[in-house]
Amino acid sequence: KPYFLTCKEAMEARLLLQLQDRQHFVENDDMYSLQDLIDISSGRLSCSLTEIHTIFAKHIKLDCERCQAKGFVCELCKEGDILFPFDSHTSVCQDCSAVFHRDCYYDNSTTCPRCARMTERKQDDEPYEKGAEHQK
């Protein structure tokens, strides 16, 4: 959803309408309709969502430069393709939402590099903020 609401091409192509009768997944991916529960037992829900996921991922990762630009590079190994939070081989930092290869993230014994940078910047800015308060 966050990709498609800010993407002109996705809006023009009305990609979110691919969900058809499952529009509730746009707002909440943890909410299921009664029809979804019926379709789970028959296997239709999995097939339908896999097909839609493939269409959405293709747009984001291959077809649209604007959506591709919202991807991440693993800051721990700095190798590989552009990563997205919905990729199965990734992990997302709970604090800053940075995306890493799952193996890199769990093998890393230090804090998230992005969180560390943000903390350092905040500490660097504190003397300036305190000085500005004293001048008032």
N, C-alpha and C. Protein backbone atom coordinates (compact mmCIF):
# COMPACT_ATOMS: atom_id res chain seq x y z
N LYS A 1 0.81 -1.21 0.00
CA LYS A 1 0.00 0.00 0.00
C LYS A 1 0.85 1.27 0.00
N PRO A 2 1.88 1.38 0.87
CA PRO A 2 2.63 2.64 0.88
C PRO A 2 3.29 2.94 -0.47
N TYR A 3 3.65 1.93 -1.22
CA TYR A 3 4.25 2.15 -2.53
C TYR A 3 3.21 2.69 -3.51
N PHE A 4 2.04 2.09 -3.51
CA PHE A 4 1.04 2.40 -4.52
C PHE A 4 0.31 3.70 -4.27
N LEU A 5 0.22 4.15 -3.04
CA LEU A 5 -0.47 5.40 -2.76
C LEU A 5 0.35 6.62 -3.16
N THR A 6 1.65 6.44 -3.34
CA THR A 6 2.51 7.55 -3.74
C THR A 6 3.05 7.38 -5.16
N CYS A 7 2.58 6.38 -5.86
CA CYS A 7 3.07 6.09 -7.21
C CYS A 7 2.01 6.45 -8.24
N LYS A 8 2.34 7.42 -9.07
CA LYS A 8 1.41 7.87 -10.11
C LYS A 8 1.07 6.73 -11.07
N GLU A 9 2.07 5.96 -11.47
CA GLU A 9 1.84 4.86 -12.41
C GLU A 9 0.91 3.80 -11.82
N ALA A 10 1.11 3.47 -10.56
CA ALA A 10 0.26 2.46 -9.91
C ALA A 10 -1.16 2.97 -9.77
N MET A 11 -1.30 4.27 -9.47
CA MET A 11 -2.64 4.85 -9.36
C MET A 11 -3.34 4.83 -10.72
N GLU A 12 -2.60 5.21 -11.77
CA GLU A 12 -3.19 5.22 -13.11
C GLU A 12 -3.56 3.81 -13.56
N ALA A 13 -2.73 2.84 -13.22
CA ALA A 13 -3.00 1.44 -13.59
C ALA A 13 -4.01 0.79 -12.65
N ARG A 14 -4.36 1.52 -11.58
CA ARG A 14 -5.33 1.03 -10.59
C ARG A 14 -4.93 -0.36 -10.07
N LEU A 15 -3.66 -0.46 -9.71
CA LEU A 15 -3.12 -1.75 -9.28
C LEU A 15 -3.80 -2.31 -8.04
N LEU A 16 -4.17 -1.44 -7.12
CA LEU A 16 -4.81 -1.94 -5.90
C LEU A 16 -6.16 -2.60 -6.19
N LEU A 17 -6.75 -2.28 -7.33
CA LEU A 17 -8.02 -2.92 -7.70
C LEU A 17 -7.82 -4.38 -8.08
N GLN A 18 -6.57 -4.80 -8.25
CA GLN A 18 -6.28 -6.22 -8.51
C GLN A 18 -6.78 -7.09 -7.37
N LEU A 19 -6.92 -6.48 -6.20
CA LEU A 19 -7.41 -7.24 -5.04
C LEU A 19 -8.90 -7.57 -5.15
N GLN A 20 -9.59 -6.91 -6.07
CA GLN A 20 -11.02 -7.15 -6.34
C GLN A 20 -11.84 -7.24 -5.06
N ASP A 21 -12.35 -8.42 -4.75
CA ASP A 21 -13.22 -8.60 -3.58
C ASP A 21 -12.44 -8.63 -2.27
N ARG A 22 -11.17 -8.45 -2.33
CA ARG A 22 -10.35 -8.50 -1.12
C ARG A 22 -9.74 -7.13 -0.79
N GLN A 23 -10.48 -6.08 -1.08
CA GLN A 23 -10.01 -4.71 -0.84
C GLN A 23 -9.69 -4.45 0.63
N HIS A 24 -10.28 -5.23 1.53
CA HIS A 24 -10.00 -5.03 2.96
C HIS A 24 -8.53 -5.25 3.28
N PHE A 25 -7.82 -6.01 2.43
CA PHE A 25 -6.39 -6.22 2.66
C PHE A 25 -5.58 -4.95 2.43
N VAL A 26 -6.13 -3.98 1.71
CA VAL A 26 -5.43 -2.71 1.49
C VAL A 26 -5.24 -1.99 2.83
N GLU A 27 -6.24 -2.02 3.66
CA GLU A 27 -6.20 -1.32 4.95
C GLU A 27 -5.62 -2.16 6.08
N ASN A 28 -5.86 -3.47 6.03
CA ASN A 28 -5.46 -4.31 7.16
C ASN A 28 -5.20 -5.73 6.67
N ASP A 29 -3.95 -6.13 6.67
CA ASP A 29 -3.62 -7.47 6.18
C ASP A 29 -3.84 -8.56 7.23
N ASP A 30 -4.31 -8.17 8.40
CA ASP A 30 -4.62 -9.15 9.45
C ASP A 30 -6.11 -9.42 9.57
N MET A 31 -6.91 -8.80 8.72
CA MET A 31 -8.36 -8.95 8.80
C MET A 31 -8.83 -9.84 7.64
N TYR A 32 -9.64 -10.83 7.96
CA TYR A 32 -10.13 -11.76 6.96
C TYR A 32 -11.65 -11.73 6.91
N SER A 33 -12.19 -11.81 5.71
CA SER A 33 -13.64 -11.91 5.56
C SER A 33 -14.05 -13.38 5.70
N LEU A 34 -15.34 -13.61 5.82
CA LEU A 34 -15.82 -15.00 5.87
C LEU A 34 -15.46 -15.73 4.58
N GLN A 35 -15.55 -15.02 3.45
CA GLN A 35 -15.19 -15.65 2.17
C GLN A 35 -13.71 -16.03 2.15
N ASP A 36 -12.86 -15.19 2.74
CA ASP A 36 -11.43 -15.52 2.82
C ASP A 36 -11.23 -16.83 3.58
N LEU A 37 -11.94 -16.98 4.68
CA LEU A 37 -11.81 -18.20 5.49
C LEU A 37 -12.27 -19.43 4.72
N ILE A 38 -13.32 -19.28 3.95
CA ILE A 38 -13.79 -20.39 3.09
C ILE A 38 -12.73 -20.69 2.04
N ASP A 39 -12.17 -19.61 1.45
CA ASP A 39 -11.16 -19.79 0.40
C ASP A 39 -9.85 -20.35 0.93
N ILE A 40 -9.58 -20.17 2.21
CA ILE A 40 -8.38 -20.78 2.81
C ILE A 40 -8.50 -22.29 2.75
N SER A 41 -9.66 -22.79 3.12
CA SER A 41 -9.83 -24.26 3.16
C SER A 41 -9.76 -24.89 1.78
N SER A 42 -10.15 -24.14 0.75
CA SER A 42 -10.11 -24.70 -0.60
C SER A 42 -8.78 -24.43 -1.30
N GLY A 43 -7.94 -23.56 -0.70
CA GLY A 43 -6.66 -23.23 -1.32
C GLY A 43 -6.73 -22.04 -2.26
N ARG A 44 -7.92 -21.51 -2.48
CA ARG A 44 -8.07 -20.38 -3.41
C ARG A 44 -7.43 -19.09 -2.90
N LEU A 45 -7.50 -18.85 -1.59
CA LEU A 45 -6.94 -17.61 -1.05
C LEU A 45 -5.44 -17.54 -1.30
N SER A 46 -4.75 -18.61 -1.02
CA SER A 46 -3.30 -18.64 -1.21
C SER A 46 -2.94 -18.40 -2.68
N CYS A 47 -3.63 -19.07 -3.58
CA CYS A 47 -3.36 -18.90 -5.01
C CYS A 47 -3.63 -17.47 -5.45
N SER A 48 -4.75 -16.92 -5.01
CA SER A 48 -5.13 -15.56 -5.39
C SER A 48 -4.12 -14.54 -4.87
N LEU A 49 -3.76 -14.65 -3.60
CA LEU A 49 -2.82 -13.68 -3.02
C LEU A 49 -1.42 -13.83 -3.59
N THR A 50 -1.02 -15.05 -3.91
CA THR A 50 0.30 -15.27 -4.53
C THR A 50 0.35 -14.59 -5.89
N GLU A 51 -0.71 -14.73 -6.65
CA GLU A 51 -0.78 -14.11 -7.98
C GLU A 51 -0.74 -12.58 -7.87
N ILE A 52 -1.50 -12.03 -6.95
CA ILE A 52 -1.53 -10.57 -6.76
C ILE A 52 -0.18 -10.08 -6.24
N HIS A 53 0.42 -10.81 -5.31
CA HIS A 53 1.74 -10.44 -4.78
C HIS A 53 2.76 -10.38 -5.91
N THR A 54 2.70 -11.32 -6.83
CA THR A 54 3.63 -11.35 -7.97
C THR A 54 3.45 -10.11 -8.83
N ILE A 55 2.21 -9.72 -9.09
CA ILE A 55 1.93 -8.53 -9.89
C ILE A 55 2.45 -7.28 -9.18
N PHE A 56 2.17 -7.16 -7.89
CA PHE A 56 2.61 -6.00 -7.12
C PHE A 56 4.14 -5.94 -7.05
N ALA A 57 4.77 -7.06 -6.76
CA ALA A 57 6.24 -7.10 -6.64
C ALA A 57 6.90 -6.76 -7.97
N LYS A 58 6.33 -7.22 -9.07
CA LYS A 58 6.87 -6.92 -10.39
C LYS A 58 6.84 -5.41 -10.64
N HIS A 59 5.73 -4.79 -10.30
CA HIS A 59 5.64 -3.34 -10.48
C HIS A 59 6.71 -2.64 -9.64
N ILE A 60 6.78 -2.98 -8.37
CA ILE A 60 7.68 -2.29 -7.44
C ILE A 60 9.15 -2.55 -7.77
N LYS A 61 9.50 -3.79 -8.06
CA LYS A 61 10.91 -4.17 -8.20
C LYS A 61 11.45 -4.07 -9.62
N LEU A 62 10.58 -4.16 -10.62
CA LEU A 62 11.06 -4.21 -12.00
C LEU A 62 10.53 -3.09 -12.90
N ASP A 63 9.24 -2.81 -12.79
CA ASP A 63 8.61 -1.92 -13.77
C ASP A 63 8.68 -0.44 -13.44
N CYS A 64 8.77 -0.09 -12.18
CA CYS A 64 8.62 1.32 -11.78
C CYS A 64 9.87 1.85 -11.08
N GLU A 65 10.52 2.81 -11.71
CA GLU A 65 11.73 3.39 -11.12
C GLU A 65 11.44 4.12 -9.81
N ARG A 66 10.29 4.77 -9.72
CA ARG A 66 9.93 5.50 -8.51
C ARG A 66 9.78 4.54 -7.33
N CYS A 67 9.14 3.41 -7.55
CA CYS A 67 8.97 2.42 -6.48
C CYS A 67 10.31 1.75 -6.15
N GLN A 68 11.12 1.47 -7.17
CA GLN A 68 12.44 0.87 -6.95
C GLN A 68 13.29 1.76 -6.05
N ALA A 69 13.14 3.07 -6.21
CA ALA A 69 13.94 4.02 -5.43
C ALA A 69 13.61 3.97 -3.94
N LYS A 70 12.51 3.34 -3.59
CA LYS A 70 12.13 3.21 -2.18
C LYS A 70 12.72 1.96 -1.54
N GLY A 71 13.54 1.23 -2.30
CA GLY A 71 14.16 0.03 -1.78
C GLY A 71 15.36 0.35 -0.90
N PHE A 72 15.96 -0.68 -0.35
CA PHE A 72 17.07 -0.54 0.59
C PHE A 72 18.26 -1.36 0.12
N VAL A 73 19.45 -0.93 0.51
CA VAL A 73 20.66 -1.73 0.36
C VAL A 73 21.00 -2.21 1.77
N CYS A 74 21.36 -3.46 1.90
CA CYS A 74 21.72 -4.00 3.21
C CYS A 74 22.97 -3.26 3.69
N GLU A 75 22.84 -2.49 4.76
CA GLU A 75 23.96 -1.71 5.28
C GLU A 75 24.96 -2.57 6.03
N LEU A 76 24.63 -3.81 6.27
CA LEU A 76 25.54 -4.69 7.01
C LEU A 76 26.55 -5.35 6.07
N CYS A 77 26.09 -5.80 4.90
CA CYS A 77 27.03 -6.44 3.96
C CYS A 77 27.24 -5.59 2.71
N LYS A 78 26.32 -4.67 2.44
CA LYS A 78 26.39 -3.79 1.26
C LYS A 78 26.46 -4.57 -0.05
N GLU A 79 25.91 -5.78 -0.06
CA GLU A 79 25.93 -6.62 -1.26
C GLU A 79 24.52 -7.00 -1.67
N GLY A 80 24.39 -7.41 -2.90
CA GLY A 80 23.12 -7.94 -3.37
C GLY A 80 22.22 -6.90 -4.00
N ASP A 81 21.03 -7.35 -4.33
CA ASP A 81 20.05 -6.51 -4.99
C ASP A 81 19.41 -5.53 -4.02
N ILE A 82 18.57 -4.69 -4.57
CA ILE A 82 17.78 -3.78 -3.74
C ILE A 82 16.79 -4.61 -2.95
N LEU A 83 16.67 -4.30 -1.66
CA LEU A 83 15.81 -5.06 -0.76
C LEU A 83 14.53 -4.29 -0.46
N PHE A 84 13.47 -5.04 -0.22
CA PHE A 84 12.18 -4.46 0.13
C PHE A 84 11.64 -5.18 1.35
N PRO A 85 10.86 -4.50 2.18
CA PRO A 85 10.36 -5.11 3.42
C PRO A 85 9.51 -6.35 3.19
N PHE A 86 8.93 -6.48 2.01
CA PHE A 86 8.06 -7.63 1.74
C PHE A 86 8.82 -8.83 1.18
N ASP A 87 10.12 -8.70 0.96
CA ASP A 87 10.92 -9.84 0.47
C ASP A 87 11.02 -10.89 1.57
N SER A 88 10.97 -12.15 1.18
CA SER A 88 10.98 -13.23 2.17
C SER A 88 12.33 -13.42 2.85
N HIS A 89 13.40 -12.95 2.24
CA HIS A 89 14.74 -13.15 2.80
C HIS A 89 15.25 -11.91 3.55
N THR A 90 14.34 -11.03 3.96
CA THR A 90 14.76 -9.81 4.64
C THR A 90 14.21 -9.72 6.06
N SER A 91 14.83 -8.86 6.84
CA SER A 91 14.34 -8.51 8.18
C SER A 91 14.29 -6.99 8.25
N VAL A 92 13.35 -6.48 9.02
CA VAL A 92 13.13 -5.04 9.13
C VAL A 92 13.42 -4.62 10.57
N CYS A 93 14.21 -3.57 10.74
CA CYS A 93 14.49 -3.04 12.07
C CYS A 93 13.19 -2.53 12.68
N GLN A 94 12.90 -2.96 13.88
CA GLN A 94 11.66 -2.56 14.57
C GLN A 94 11.63 -1.06 14.88
N ASP A 95 12.80 -0.45 15.04
CA ASP A 95 12.86 0.95 15.45
C ASP A 95 12.84 1.94 14.29
N CYS A 96 13.61 1.67 13.24
CA CYS A 96 13.74 2.65 12.16
C CYS A 96 13.22 2.17 10.81
N SER A 97 12.82 0.91 10.72
CA SER A 97 12.26 0.31 9.50
C SER A 97 13.27 0.09 8.38
N ALA A 98 14.57 0.14 8.69
CA ALA A 98 15.58 -0.20 7.69
C ALA A 98 15.45 -1.69 7.37
N VAL A 99 15.85 -2.06 6.16
CA VAL A 99 15.71 -3.44 5.69
C VAL A 99 17.09 -4.05 5.47
N PHE A 100 17.26 -5.29 5.90
CA PHE A 100 18.53 -6.00 5.80
C PHE A 100 18.28 -7.42 5.31
N HIS A 101 19.33 -8.06 4.77
CA HIS A 101 19.23 -9.50 4.54
C HIS A 101 18.98 -10.16 5.90
N ARG A 102 18.11 -11.11 5.95
CA ARG A 102 17.77 -11.77 7.23
C ARG A 102 19.01 -12.34 7.90
N ASP A 103 19.85 -13.04 7.13
CA ASP A 103 21.05 -13.64 7.71
C ASP A 103 21.99 -12.58 8.27
N CYS A 104 22.16 -11.48 7.55
CA CYS A 104 23.04 -10.40 8.03
C CYS A 104 22.49 -9.82 9.33
N TYR A 105 21.19 -9.61 9.37
CA TYR A 105 20.56 -8.98 10.53
C TYR A 105 20.71 -9.83 11.78
N TYR A 106 20.49 -11.13 11.65
CA TYR A 106 20.57 -11.99 12.83
C TYR A 106 22.00 -12.37 13.19
N ASP A 107 22.93 -12.29 12.23
CA ASP A 107 24.34 -12.54 12.54
C ASP A 107 25.02 -11.31 13.14
N ASN A 108 24.38 -10.15 13.01
CA ASN A 108 24.95 -8.89 13.48
C ASN A 108 24.82 -8.80 14.99
N SER A 109 25.94 -8.61 15.67
CA SER A 109 25.90 -8.54 17.13
C SER A 109 25.79 -7.09 17.63
N THR A 110 25.88 -6.14 16.72
CA THR A 110 25.78 -4.74 17.13
C THR A 110 24.37 -4.22 16.83
N THR A 111 24.18 -2.95 17.06
CA THR A 111 22.87 -2.36 16.78
C THR A 111 22.72 -2.08 15.29
N CYS A 112 21.54 -1.76 14.91
CA CYS A 112 21.24 -1.40 13.53
C CYS A 112 22.09 -0.19 13.14
N PRO A 113 22.79 -0.22 12.00
CA PRO A 113 23.64 0.91 11.61
C PRO A 113 22.86 2.21 11.44
N ARG A 114 21.66 2.11 10.92
CA ARG A 114 20.85 3.32 10.73
C ARG A 114 20.46 3.91 12.09
N CYS A 115 20.03 3.07 13.02
CA CYS A 115 19.69 3.55 14.37
C CYS A 115 20.91 4.18 15.03
N ALA A 116 22.07 3.56 14.85
CA ALA A 116 23.31 4.09 15.44
C ALA A 116 23.62 5.48 14.87
N ARG A 117 23.45 5.66 13.56
CA ARG A 117 23.68 6.97 12.94
C ARG A 117 22.71 8.01 13.47
N MET A 118 21.44 7.62 13.58
CA MET A 118 20.43 8.56 14.06
C MET A 118 20.70 8.96 15.51
N THR A 119 21.13 8.01 16.34
CA THR A 119 21.47 8.30 17.73
C THR A 119 22.67 9.25 17.80
N GLU A 120 23.67 8.97 16.97
CA GLU A 120 24.88 9.81 16.95
C GLU A 120 24.54 11.24 16.51
N ARG A 121 23.71 11.37 15.48
CA ARG A 121 23.31 12.71 15.02
C ARG A 121 22.55 13.46 16.11
N LYS A 122 21.68 12.73 16.78
CA LYS A 122 20.89 13.36 17.85
C LYS A 122 21.82 13.86 18.96
N GLN A 123 22.82 13.05 19.32
CA GLN A 123 23.78 13.45 20.36
C GLN A 123 24.63 14.63 19.89
N ASP A 124 25.00 14.63 18.60
CA ASP A 124 25.78 15.74 18.06
C ASP A 124 24.98 17.04 18.05
N ASP A 125 23.67 16.96 17.87
CA ASP A 125 22.82 18.14 17.81
C ASP A 125 22.47 18.68 19.19
N GLU A 126 22.58 17.86 20.23
CA GLU A 126 22.17 18.28 21.58
C GLU A 126 22.90 19.53 22.08
N PRO A 127 24.23 19.66 21.91
CA PRO A 127 24.89 20.89 22.40
C PRO A 127 24.34 22.15 21.74
N TYR A 128 23.98 22.06 20.46
CA TYR A 128 23.44 23.21 19.75
C TYR A 128 22.05 23.55 20.26
N GLU A 129 21.26 22.52 20.53
CA GLU A 129 19.91 22.74 21.04
C GLU A 129 19.96 23.35 22.43
N LYS A 130 20.87 22.88 23.28
CA LYS A 130 21.00 23.42 24.64
C LYS A 130 21.48 24.86 24.58
N GLY A 131 22.41 25.15 23.67
CA GLY A 131 22.91 26.51 23.52
C GLY A 131 21.82 27.46 23.06
N ALA A 132 20.96 27.00 22.19
CA ALA A 132 19.85 27.83 21.70
C ALA A 132 18.86 28.10 22.82
N GLU A 133 18.65 27.14 23.72
CA GLU A 133 17.73 27.33 24.84
C GLU A 133 18.27 28.38 25.80
N HIS A 134 19.58 28.39 26.03
CA HIS A 134 20.18 29.34 26.96
C HIS A 134 20.14 30.77 26.41
N GLN A 135 20.10 30.92 25.10
CA GLN A 135 20.10 32.25 24.50
C GLN A 135 18.73 32.91 24.59
N LYS A 136 17.69 32.15 24.87
CA LYS A 136 16.33 32.70 24.91
C LYS A 136 16.08 33.51 26.13
